[in-house]
Amino acid sequence: MTRDEKRLITLAEASKTVTVWDVETGTALFTLAHDDDPLEAAFSPDESRVLTDAGSVTYVWSMRTGELLAKLDHSGIFSGDWSPSGRYILTYQENSNQAFLWDSSNVQDHSHTEAFQ
């Protein structure tokens, strides 16, 4: 849920979707389709974007339009999260102890800033 409690995210593994809701009206604002079962979702610190994790991909979505901004894919992504400022996205692999740091202002080029092991 956003800090102002106006938007809420729900995940539906069966339909491989994430829905963003308007809390006051109960209206679905966006339904975000995934290639695999969505497991986690997190609003960016400024609440303009949302990350969702499904399979080995972390998705970045616009909360203004519902548009898919980027798919961050490296084999075996387990989870993704925002840095406190929202400048970076951290994705990591549970089994390999590998993490990638992505510059969130330039995720469209699909290149990570740093890899950590």
Protein backbone atom coordinates (compact mmCIF):
# COMPACT_ATOMS: atom_id res chain seq x y z
CA MET A 1 0.00 0.00 0.00
CA THR A 2 1.20 3.53 -0.70
CA ARG A 3 2.07 5.80 2.22
CA ASP A 4 -1.00 7.95 1.56
CA GLU A 5 -3.09 4.75 1.59
CA LYS A 6 -4.64 5.54 -1.81
CA ARG A 7 -3.25 2.60 -3.80
CA LEU A 8 -3.00 -1.08 -2.98
CA ILE A 9 -1.30 -3.95 -4.83
CA THR A 10 -2.61 -7.51 -4.95
CA LEU A 11 -0.93 -10.53 -6.55
CA ALA A 12 -2.75 -13.37 -8.29
CA GLU A 13 -0.50 -16.32 -8.99
CA ALA A 14 -3.20 -18.29 -10.83
CA SER A 15 -3.67 -15.58 -13.48
CA LYS A 16 -0.03 -14.38 -13.35
CA THR A 17 -1.16 -10.82 -12.72
CA VAL A 18 -0.65 -7.98 -10.27
CA THR A 19 -3.48 -5.50 -9.81
CA VAL A 20 -3.13 -1.91 -8.58
CA TRP A 21 -6.29 -0.70 -6.84
CA ASP A 22 -7.72 2.68 -5.89
CA VAL A 23 -8.50 2.12 -2.20
CA GLU A 24 -11.22 4.78 -1.94
CA THR A 25 -13.29 3.59 -4.92
CA GLY A 26 -12.31 -0.10 -5.00
CA THR A 27 -11.53 0.31 -8.70
CA ALA A 28 -8.75 -1.62 -10.41
CA LEU A 29 -6.41 0.99 -11.93
CA PHE A 30 -4.02 -1.39 -13.70
CA THR A 31 -3.67 -5.11 -14.18
CA LEU A 32 -0.04 -5.99 -14.84
CA ALA A 33 0.55 -9.24 -16.77
CA HIS A 34 3.58 -11.44 -16.03
CA ASP A 35 5.22 -14.40 -17.74
CA ASP A 36 5.37 -16.37 -14.47
CA ASP A 37 3.69 -16.34 -11.06
CA PRO A 38 4.23 -12.95 -9.36
CA LEU A 39 5.65 -13.41 -5.87
CA GLU A 40 6.45 -9.91 -4.57
CA ALA A 41 5.71 -6.26 -5.29
CA ALA A 42 7.12 -2.99 -3.93
CA PHE A 43 6.36 0.66 -4.63
CA SER A 44 9.36 2.91 -5.31
CA PRO A 45 10.07 5.41 -2.51
CA ASP A 46 8.38 8.20 -4.51
CA GLU A 47 5.55 5.78 -5.43
CA SER A 48 5.83 6.57 -9.15
CA ARG A 49 6.89 3.02 -10.06
CA VAL A 50 6.45 -0.49 -8.77
CA LEU A 51 8.71 -3.54 -8.90
CA THR A 52 7.25 -6.99 -9.24
CA ASP A 53 9.14 -10.28 -9.07
CA ALA A 54 8.02 -13.28 -11.11
CA GLY A 55 10.17 -16.26 -11.99
CA SER A 56 13.67 -15.06 -12.86
CA VAL A 57 12.52 -11.55 -13.84
CA THR A 58 12.02 -8.32 -11.92
CA TYR A 59 9.59 -6.02 -13.71
CA VAL A 60 9.52 -2.22 -13.40
CA TRP A 61 6.14 -0.56 -14.03
CA SER A 62 4.92 3.05 -14.25
CA MET A 63 2.25 3.86 -11.69
CA ARG A 64 1.12 6.80 -13.82
CA THR A 65 0.28 4.73 -16.92
CA GLY A 66 0.60 1.05 -15.94
CA GLU A 67 3.21 0.72 -18.69
CA LEU A 68 6.00 -1.85 -18.40
CA LEU A 69 9.21 0.19 -18.21
CA ALA A 70 11.74 -2.65 -18.02
CA LYS A 71 12.28 -6.36 -17.44
CA LEU A 72 15.43 -7.00 -15.41
CA ASP A 73 16.41 -10.55 -16.19
CA HIS A 74 19.42 -12.46 -15.00
CA SER A 75 19.20 -16.15 -14.48
CA GLY A 76 17.65 -17.07 -11.18
CA ILE A 77 16.50 -13.70 -9.81
CA PHE A 78 14.96 -14.44 -6.46
CA SER A 79 13.90 -10.96 -5.44
CA GLY A 80 14.26 -7.26 -6.15
CA ASP A 81 13.95 -4.13 -4.05
CA TRP A 82 14.44 -0.36 -4.19
CA SER A 83 17.24 1.56 -2.51
CA PRO A 84 15.94 4.08 0.07
CA SER A 85 16.33 6.96 -2.41
CA GLY A 86 14.84 5.00 -5.32
CA ARG A 87 17.97 5.58 -7.39
CA TYR A 88 18.93 1.91 -7.48
CA ILE A 89 17.20 -1.43 -7.80
CA LEU A 90 18.87 -4.42 -6.17
CA THR A 91 18.15 -7.89 -7.53
CA TYR A 92 19.66 -11.01 -6.06
CA GLN A 93 19.88 -14.74 -6.55
CA GLU A 94 19.33 -16.85 -3.48
CA ASN A 95 21.24 -19.97 -4.53
CA SER A 96 24.30 -18.32 -6.06
CA ASN A 97 24.71 -15.49 -3.53
CA GLN A 98 24.92 -13.09 -6.47
CA ALA A 99 23.36 -9.62 -6.51
CA PHE A 100 23.06 -6.95 -9.17
CA LEU A 101 22.67 -3.21 -8.69
CA TRP A 102 20.73 -1.39 -11.44
CA ASP A 103 20.51 2.37 -12.00
CA SER A 104 16.73 2.90 -11.94
CA SER A 105 16.94 6.00 -14.14
CA ASN A 106 18.40 3.89 -16.96
CA VAL A 107 16.89 0.39 -16.64
CA GLN A 108 15.71 0.38 -20.24
CA ASP A 109 19.21 -0.53 -21.45
CA HIS A 110 19.06 -3.72 -19.32
CA SER A 111 22.61 -3.30 -18.03
CA HIS A 112 23.44 -3.46 -14.35
CA THR A 113 25.76 -1.05 -12.60
CA GLU A 114 27.54 -3.56 -10.36
CA ALA A 115 27.59 -7.28 -9.70
CA PHE A 116 28.37 -8.56 -6.22
CA GLN A 117 29.30 -12.07 -5.10
